[in-house]
Amino acid sequence: AFICLVMSRNMYPGSGVTSRAQYQMAQQVQQNQIVTPQKLQELVKQIDENEHLDPDVASFLIEMAEEFVDNVTTFACNLAQHRKGDSLEVKDLQLHLERNWNIRIPGFHESASTAKKTSIPDTHKQRMDLVNKSQNAKR
């Protein structure tokens, strides 16, 4: 059976822990974060050396990044289940990202197109040309 679990990075074990245990838990949570405050600040520095993120803004951006990854992963897992797959594949992520977020995955977009081009028969094209010519002649 196909099982896809998305672990929430915001879950903390029970209360009543000592400050050392809280520190260790905070370190572990930071290691599990997709984007750390330090990495986010490094990214900001690449854009503007003089800019500094407010801690509340950094927390919000980190939370948004984690929610985005959780959302994409959950939806892609549902797509994999729908196609009766037993594993999550790039095409599951690709389909969701392209359709819902208009994000193309480099290197995979060319090989797996999600939209089919419709071919118009030559006879239809000829009829449409005749219609257009007759409409232009009446003007």
N, C-alpha and C. Protein backbone atom coordinates (compact mmCIF):
# COMPACT_ATOMS: atom_id res chain seq x y z
N ALA A 1 0.84 -1.18 0.00
CA ALA A 1 0.00 0.00 0.00
C ALA A 1 0.88 1.24 0.00
N PHE A 2 0.39 2.27 -0.63
CA PHE A 2 1.12 3.52 -0.75
C PHE A 2 0.92 4.34 0.52
N ILE A 3 2.00 4.76 1.12
CA ILE A 3 1.94 5.59 2.31
C ILE A 3 2.80 6.81 2.09
N CYS A 4 2.22 7.97 2.30
CA CYS A 4 2.97 9.21 2.16
C CYS A 4 2.70 10.06 3.39
N LEU A 5 3.70 10.27 4.18
CA LEU A 5 3.55 11.06 5.40
C LEU A 5 4.26 12.39 5.24
N VAL A 6 3.61 13.43 5.63
CA VAL A 6 4.22 14.75 5.66
C VAL A 6 4.28 15.16 7.12
N MET A 7 5.49 15.23 7.64
CA MET A 7 5.67 15.58 9.04
C MET A 7 5.65 17.08 9.19
N SER A 8 4.88 17.55 10.13
CA SER A 8 4.85 18.98 10.41
C SER A 8 6.10 19.35 11.18
N ARG A 9 6.77 20.39 10.74
CA ARG A 9 7.99 20.83 11.40
C ARG A 9 7.68 21.71 12.60
N ASN A 10 6.42 22.01 12.84
CA ASN A 10 6.05 22.89 13.93
C ASN A 10 5.54 22.13 15.15
N MET A 11 5.64 20.83 15.15
CA MET A 11 5.14 20.03 16.26
C MET A 11 6.22 19.91 17.33
N TYR A 12 5.84 20.19 18.54
CA TYR A 12 6.76 20.09 19.66
C TYR A 12 6.22 19.05 20.63
N PRO A 13 7.11 18.23 21.19
CA PRO A 13 6.66 17.27 22.20
C PRO A 13 6.11 17.98 23.42
N GLY A 14 5.59 17.24 24.36
CA GLY A 14 4.91 17.75 25.55
C GLY A 14 5.63 18.85 26.30
N SER A 15 4.94 19.39 27.27
CA SER A 15 5.49 20.51 28.03
C SER A 15 6.24 20.00 29.26
N GLY A 16 6.81 20.95 30.03
CA GLY A 16 7.48 20.59 31.27
C GLY A 16 8.90 20.12 31.09
N VAL A 17 9.56 20.48 30.01
CA VAL A 17 10.94 20.05 29.79
C VAL A 17 11.89 21.10 30.37
N THR A 18 13.08 20.69 30.69
CA THR A 18 14.06 21.59 31.25
C THR A 18 14.61 22.51 30.18
N SER A 19 15.31 23.57 30.59
CA SER A 19 15.84 24.53 29.63
C SER A 19 16.87 23.88 28.71
N ARG A 20 17.68 22.95 29.21
CA ARG A 20 18.65 22.26 28.36
C ARG A 20 17.93 21.43 27.30
N ALA A 21 16.88 20.74 27.72
CA ALA A 21 16.11 19.95 26.77
C ALA A 21 15.42 20.85 25.76
N GLN A 22 14.95 22.02 26.21
CA GLN A 22 14.33 22.96 25.28
C GLN A 22 15.35 23.45 24.26
N TYR A 23 16.56 23.72 24.72
CA TYR A 23 17.62 24.16 23.82
C TYR A 23 17.92 23.07 22.79
N GLN A 24 18.02 21.82 23.25
CA GLN A 24 18.30 20.72 22.33
C GLN A 24 17.16 20.55 21.33
N MET A 25 15.92 20.71 21.83
CA MET A 25 14.77 20.61 20.94
C MET A 25 14.80 21.73 19.90
N ALA A 26 15.13 22.94 20.34
CA ALA A 26 15.20 24.06 19.41
C ALA A 26 16.29 23.83 18.36
N GLN A 27 17.41 23.26 18.77
CA GLN A 27 18.49 22.94 17.81
C GLN A 27 18.01 21.90 16.80
N GLN A 28 17.30 20.90 17.29
CA GLN A 28 16.81 19.84 16.40
C GLN A 28 15.78 20.40 15.42
N VAL A 29 14.88 21.26 15.91
CA VAL A 29 13.88 21.86 15.03
C VAL A 29 14.57 22.70 13.97
N GLN A 30 15.59 23.46 14.36
CA GLN A 30 16.29 24.30 13.40
C GLN A 30 17.01 23.45 12.35
N GLN A 31 17.53 22.30 12.75
CA GLN A 31 18.18 21.42 11.78
C GLN A 31 17.17 20.84 10.81
N ASN A 32 15.92 20.67 11.24
CA ASN A 32 14.88 20.11 10.38
C ASN A 32 14.19 21.16 9.52
N GLN A 33 14.48 22.44 9.75
CA GLN A 33 13.86 23.51 8.98
C GLN A 33 14.38 23.50 7.55
N ILE A 34 13.51 23.85 6.65
CA ILE A 34 13.88 23.95 5.25
C ILE A 34 14.78 25.16 5.04
N VAL A 35 14.39 26.26 5.64
CA VAL A 35 15.16 27.50 5.57
C VAL A 35 15.41 27.95 7.00
N THR A 36 16.66 28.18 7.34
CA THR A 36 16.99 28.67 8.67
C THR A 36 17.08 30.20 8.63
N PRO A 37 16.94 30.84 9.78
CA PRO A 37 17.08 32.30 9.79
C PRO A 37 18.43 32.76 9.26
N GLN A 38 19.49 31.99 9.53
CA GLN A 38 20.81 32.36 9.04
C GLN A 38 20.87 32.30 7.51
N LYS A 39 20.33 31.24 6.92
CA LYS A 39 20.32 31.10 5.46
C LYS A 39 19.48 32.20 4.81
N LEU A 40 18.38 32.54 5.46
CA LEU A 40 17.52 33.59 4.94
C LEU A 40 18.26 34.93 4.96
N GLN A 41 18.98 35.19 6.03
CA GLN A 41 19.74 36.44 6.13
C GLN A 41 20.86 36.46 5.09
N GLU A 42 21.51 35.31 4.84
CA GLU A 42 22.53 35.24 3.80
C GLU A 42 21.95 35.58 2.43
N LEU A 43 20.75 35.09 2.18
CA LEU A 43 20.07 35.39 0.91
C LEU A 43 19.79 36.87 0.78
N VAL A 44 19.34 37.49 1.85
CA VAL A 44 19.08 38.93 1.84
C VAL A 44 20.37 39.71 1.60
N LYS A 45 21.46 39.28 2.22
CA LYS A 45 22.76 39.95 2.05
C LYS A 45 23.25 39.86 0.60
N GLN A 46 22.91 38.77 -0.10
CA GLN A 46 23.30 38.64 -1.50
C GLN A 46 22.60 39.69 -2.36
N ILE A 47 21.40 40.08 -1.94
CA ILE A 47 20.64 41.07 -2.69
C ILE A 47 21.09 42.48 -2.31
N ASP A 48 21.23 42.73 -1.00
CA ASP A 48 21.63 44.05 -0.53
C ASP A 48 22.43 43.89 0.76
N GLU A 49 23.69 44.29 0.72
CA GLU A 49 24.59 44.16 1.87
C GLU A 49 24.09 44.90 3.11
N ASN A 50 23.39 46.00 2.92
CA ASN A 50 22.97 46.85 4.03
C ASN A 50 21.63 46.45 4.63
N GLU A 51 20.96 45.51 4.03
CA GLU A 51 19.62 45.13 4.47
C GLU A 51 19.68 44.09 5.58
N HIS A 52 18.75 44.18 6.53
CA HIS A 52 18.65 43.21 7.62
C HIS A 52 17.18 42.88 7.83
N LEU A 53 16.87 41.61 7.94
CA LEU A 53 15.48 41.19 8.14
C LEU A 53 15.09 41.30 9.61
N ASP A 54 13.90 41.80 9.83
CA ASP A 54 13.32 41.80 11.16
C ASP A 54 13.04 40.34 11.56
N PRO A 55 13.27 39.96 12.81
CA PRO A 55 13.03 38.56 13.21
C PRO A 55 11.61 38.07 12.94
N ASP A 56 10.62 38.96 13.10
CA ASP A 56 9.24 38.55 12.81
C ASP A 56 9.03 38.27 11.33
N VAL A 57 9.66 39.07 10.49
CA VAL A 57 9.57 38.85 9.04
C VAL A 57 10.25 37.54 8.67
N ALA A 58 11.43 37.30 9.25
CA ALA A 58 12.15 36.06 8.97
C ALA A 58 11.31 34.85 9.39
N SER A 59 10.70 34.92 10.57
CA SER A 59 9.85 33.82 11.05
C SER A 59 8.67 33.58 10.11
N PHE A 60 8.07 34.68 9.65
CA PHE A 60 6.94 34.55 8.73
C PHE A 60 7.37 33.90 7.42
N LEU A 61 8.49 34.34 6.85
CA LEU A 61 8.97 33.77 5.59
C LEU A 61 9.32 32.29 5.74
N ILE A 62 9.93 31.94 6.86
CA ILE A 62 10.27 30.54 7.11
C ILE A 62 9.00 29.70 7.22
N GLU A 63 8.01 30.22 7.94
CA GLU A 63 6.74 29.50 8.08
C GLU A 63 6.06 29.32 6.73
N MET A 64 6.10 30.36 5.89
CA MET A 64 5.49 30.27 4.55
C MET A 64 6.21 29.23 3.69
N ALA A 65 7.53 29.18 3.77
CA ALA A 65 8.30 28.20 3.00
C ALA A 65 7.95 26.78 3.43
N GLU A 66 7.83 26.58 4.74
CA GLU A 66 7.49 25.24 5.24
C GLU A 66 6.08 24.84 4.85
N GLU A 67 5.14 25.79 4.92
CA GLU A 67 3.77 25.50 4.50
C GLU A 67 3.71 25.18 3.01
N PHE A 68 4.48 25.89 2.21
CA PHE A 68 4.52 25.65 0.77
C PHE A 68 5.01 24.23 0.49
N VAL A 69 6.10 23.83 1.13
CA VAL A 69 6.65 22.49 0.91
C VAL A 69 5.66 21.43 1.39
N ASP A 70 5.04 21.64 2.54
CA ASP A 70 4.04 20.68 3.03
C ASP A 70 2.87 20.57 2.07
N ASN A 71 2.40 21.71 1.55
CA ASN A 71 1.28 21.72 0.62
C ASN A 71 1.62 20.97 -0.66
N VAL A 72 2.77 21.29 -1.23
CA VAL A 72 3.18 20.66 -2.49
C VAL A 72 3.37 19.16 -2.30
N THR A 73 4.00 18.78 -1.20
CA THR A 73 4.25 17.37 -0.94
C THR A 73 2.96 16.60 -0.74
N THR A 74 2.05 17.15 0.03
CA THR A 74 0.76 16.49 0.28
C THR A 74 -0.02 16.32 -1.01
N PHE A 75 -0.10 17.38 -1.81
CA PHE A 75 -0.84 17.30 -3.06
C PHE A 75 -0.20 16.31 -4.02
N ALA A 76 1.13 16.32 -4.10
CA ALA A 76 1.83 15.38 -4.98
C ALA A 76 1.61 13.94 -4.53
N CYS A 77 1.58 13.72 -3.23
CA CYS A 77 1.29 12.37 -2.72
C CYS A 77 -0.11 11.93 -3.12
N ASN A 78 -1.07 12.85 -3.05
CA ASN A 78 -2.43 12.52 -3.48
C ASN A 78 -2.47 12.19 -4.97
N LEU A 79 -1.70 12.92 -5.77
CA LEU A 79 -1.63 12.61 -7.20
C LEU A 79 -1.03 11.23 -7.44
N ALA A 80 0.01 10.89 -6.69
CA ALA A 80 0.63 9.57 -6.83
C ALA A 80 -0.36 8.47 -6.46
N GLN A 81 -1.12 8.69 -5.40
CA GLN A 81 -2.14 7.71 -5.02
C GLN A 81 -3.20 7.59 -6.11
N HIS A 82 -3.59 8.73 -6.69
CA HIS A 82 -4.62 8.73 -7.72
C HIS A 82 -4.18 7.93 -8.95
N ARG A 83 -2.92 8.02 -9.31
CA ARG A 83 -2.44 7.27 -10.48
C ARG A 83 -2.08 5.83 -10.11
N LYS A 84 -2.41 5.44 -8.89
CA LYS A 84 -2.17 4.08 -8.37
C LYS A 84 -0.67 3.77 -8.28
N GLY A 85 0.13 4.81 -8.04
CA GLY A 85 1.57 4.61 -7.91
C GLY A 85 1.93 4.17 -6.51
N ASP A 86 3.08 3.53 -6.38
CA ASP A 86 3.53 3.10 -5.07
C ASP A 86 4.66 3.97 -4.54
N SER A 87 5.01 5.03 -5.29
CA SER A 87 6.04 5.96 -4.83
C SER A 87 5.77 7.34 -5.42
N LEU A 88 6.33 8.32 -4.77
CA LEU A 88 6.22 9.70 -5.24
C LEU A 88 7.27 9.93 -6.31
N GLU A 89 6.85 10.44 -7.46
CA GLU A 89 7.76 10.67 -8.57
C GLU A 89 7.80 12.15 -8.93
N VAL A 90 8.82 12.53 -9.68
CA VAL A 90 8.99 13.92 -10.09
C VAL A 90 7.76 14.41 -10.84
N LYS A 91 7.16 13.54 -11.65
CA LYS A 91 6.00 13.97 -12.43
C LYS A 91 4.82 14.37 -11.56
N ASP A 92 4.72 13.80 -10.34
CA ASP A 92 3.66 14.19 -9.42
C ASP A 92 3.89 15.62 -8.92
N LEU A 93 5.12 15.88 -8.52
CA LEU A 93 5.47 17.24 -8.08
C LEU A 93 5.35 18.22 -9.24
N GLN A 94 5.83 17.81 -10.40
CA GLN A 94 5.83 18.66 -11.58
C GLN A 94 4.41 19.07 -11.96
N LEU A 95 3.50 18.14 -11.96
CA LEU A 95 2.13 18.43 -12.35
C LEU A 95 1.51 19.46 -11.41
N HIS A 96 1.68 19.26 -10.12
CA HIS A 96 1.11 20.20 -9.15
C HIS A 96 1.76 21.58 -9.26
N LEU A 97 3.08 21.61 -9.34
CA LEU A 97 3.77 22.90 -9.41
C LEU A 97 3.41 23.67 -10.69
N GLU A 98 3.30 22.98 -11.81
CA GLU A 98 2.98 23.66 -13.07
C GLU A 98 1.53 24.13 -13.10
N ARG A 99 0.63 23.27 -12.69
CA ARG A 99 -0.79 23.61 -12.79
C ARG A 99 -1.23 24.62 -11.73
N ASN A 100 -0.76 24.46 -10.50
CA ASN A 100 -1.27 25.29 -9.40
C ASN A 100 -0.40 26.50 -9.09
N TRP A 101 0.89 26.42 -9.39
CA TRP A 101 1.79 27.51 -9.01
C TRP A 101 2.52 28.11 -10.21
N ASN A 102 2.31 27.56 -11.39
CA ASN A 102 2.98 28.02 -12.62
C ASN A 102 4.51 28.01 -12.44
N ILE A 103 5.00 26.96 -11.80
CA ILE A 103 6.44 26.78 -11.59
C ILE A 103 6.89 25.60 -12.43
N ARG A 104 7.89 25.82 -13.26
CA ARG A 104 8.45 24.76 -14.10
C ARG A 104 9.71 24.23 -13.46
N ILE A 105 9.88 22.93 -13.45
CA ILE A 105 11.08 22.30 -12.89
C ILE A 105 12.11 22.21 -14.01
N PRO A 106 13.26 22.88 -13.87
CA PRO A 106 14.27 22.84 -14.93
C PRO A 106 14.75 21.41 -15.19
N GLY A 107 14.87 21.09 -16.47
CA GLY A 107 15.37 19.78 -16.86
C GLY A 107 14.28 18.73 -17.00
N PHE A 108 13.08 19.00 -16.48
CA PHE A 108 12.00 18.02 -16.57
C PHE A 108 10.84 18.52 -17.41
N HIS A 109 10.78 19.81 -17.65
CA HIS A 109 9.66 20.38 -18.39
C HIS A 109 9.64 19.91 -19.84
N GLU A 110 10.80 19.81 -20.44
CA GLU A 110 10.86 19.44 -21.86
C GLU A 110 10.39 18.00 -22.10
N SER A 111 10.73 17.10 -21.17
CA SER A 111 10.47 15.68 -21.42
C SER A 111 9.04 15.26 -21.11
N ALA A 112 8.39 15.96 -20.23
CA ALA A 112 7.04 15.53 -19.83
C ALA A 112 6.10 16.73 -19.90
N SER A 113 5.50 16.91 -21.05
CA SER A 113 4.58 18.02 -21.22
C SER A 113 3.23 17.66 -20.63
N THR A 114 2.64 18.60 -19.88
CA THR A 114 1.35 18.32 -19.26
C THR A 114 0.19 18.75 -20.14
N ALA A 115 0.45 19.55 -21.15
CA ALA A 115 -0.61 20.01 -22.03
C ALA A 115 -0.41 19.43 -23.42
N LYS A 116 -1.49 18.90 -23.99
CA LYS A 116 -1.42 18.33 -25.33
C LYS A 116 -1.84 19.39 -26.34
N LYS A 117 -1.11 19.46 -27.43
CA LYS A 117 -1.48 20.37 -28.51
C LYS A 117 -2.53 19.70 -29.37
N THR A 118 -3.54 20.46 -29.71
CA THR A 118 -4.56 19.92 -30.60
C THR A 118 -4.15 20.21 -32.03
N SER A 119 -4.31 19.24 -32.87
CA SER A 119 -3.97 19.44 -34.28
C SER A 119 -5.25 19.80 -35.04
N ILE A 120 -5.14 20.80 -35.88
CA ILE A 120 -6.28 21.25 -36.67
C ILE A 120 -6.15 20.65 -38.06
N PRO A 121 -7.17 19.93 -38.50
CA PRO A 121 -7.10 19.29 -39.83
C PRO A 121 -6.95 20.34 -40.93
N ASP A 122 -6.27 19.96 -42.00
CA ASP A 122 -6.04 20.87 -43.13
C ASP A 122 -7.36 21.31 -43.77
N THR A 123 -8.32 20.42 -43.83
CA THR A 123 -9.61 20.79 -44.44
C THR A 123 -10.28 21.91 -43.65
N HIS A 124 -10.17 21.85 -42.33
CA HIS A 124 -10.75 22.91 -41.50
C HIS A 124 -10.03 24.24 -41.74
N LYS A 125 -8.71 24.17 -41.83
CA LYS A 125 -7.93 25.39 -42.10
C LYS A 125 -8.35 26.01 -43.43
N GLN A 126 -8.56 25.17 -44.46
CA GLN A 126 -8.97 25.67 -45.77
C GLN A 126 -10.34 26.34 -45.71
N ARG A 127 -11.27 25.71 -44.97
CA ARG A 127 -12.60 26.30 -44.83
C ARG A 127 -12.53 27.64 -44.11
N MET A 128 -11.72 27.71 -43.07
CA MET A 128 -11.58 28.96 -42.32
C MET A 128 -10.95 30.05 -43.18
N ASP A 129 -10.00 29.69 -44.05
CA ASP A 129 -9.41 30.67 -44.96
C ASP A 129 -10.47 31.22 -45.92
N LEU A 130 -11.33 30.33 -46.44
CA LEU A 130 -12.40 30.76 -47.34
C LEU A 130 -13.37 31.69 -46.63
N VAL A 131 -13.73 31.36 -45.38
CA VAL A 131 -14.65 32.20 -44.60
C VAL A 131 -14.03 33.57 -44.37
N ASN A 132 -12.75 33.59 -43.98
CA ASN A 132 -12.08 34.87 -43.74
C ASN A 132 -11.99 35.71 -45.01
N LYS A 133 -11.71 35.07 -46.16
CA LYS A 133 -11.62 35.79 -47.42
C LYS A 133 -12.97 36.39 -47.79
N SER A 134 -14.03 35.60 -47.60
CA SER A 134 -15.37 36.11 -47.97
C SER A 134 -15.79 37.25 -47.05
N GLN A 135 -15.43 37.19 -45.78
CA GLN A 135 -15.76 38.28 -44.85
C GLN A 135 -14.98 39.53 -45.18
N ASN A 136 -13.72 39.38 -45.58
CA ASN A 136 -12.90 40.54 -45.95
C ASN A 136 -13.37 41.16 -47.26
N ALA A 137 -13.88 40.33 -48.17
CA ALA A 137 -14.37 40.84 -49.46
C ALA A 137 -15.63 41.68 -49.27
N LYS A 138 -16.46 41.37 -48.30
CA LYS A 138 -17.70 42.09 -48.05
C LYS A 138 -17.45 43.47 -47.45
N ARG A 139 -16.30 43.70 -46.89
CA ARG A 139 -15.99 44.97 -46.23
C ARG A 139 -15.61 45.99 -47.20
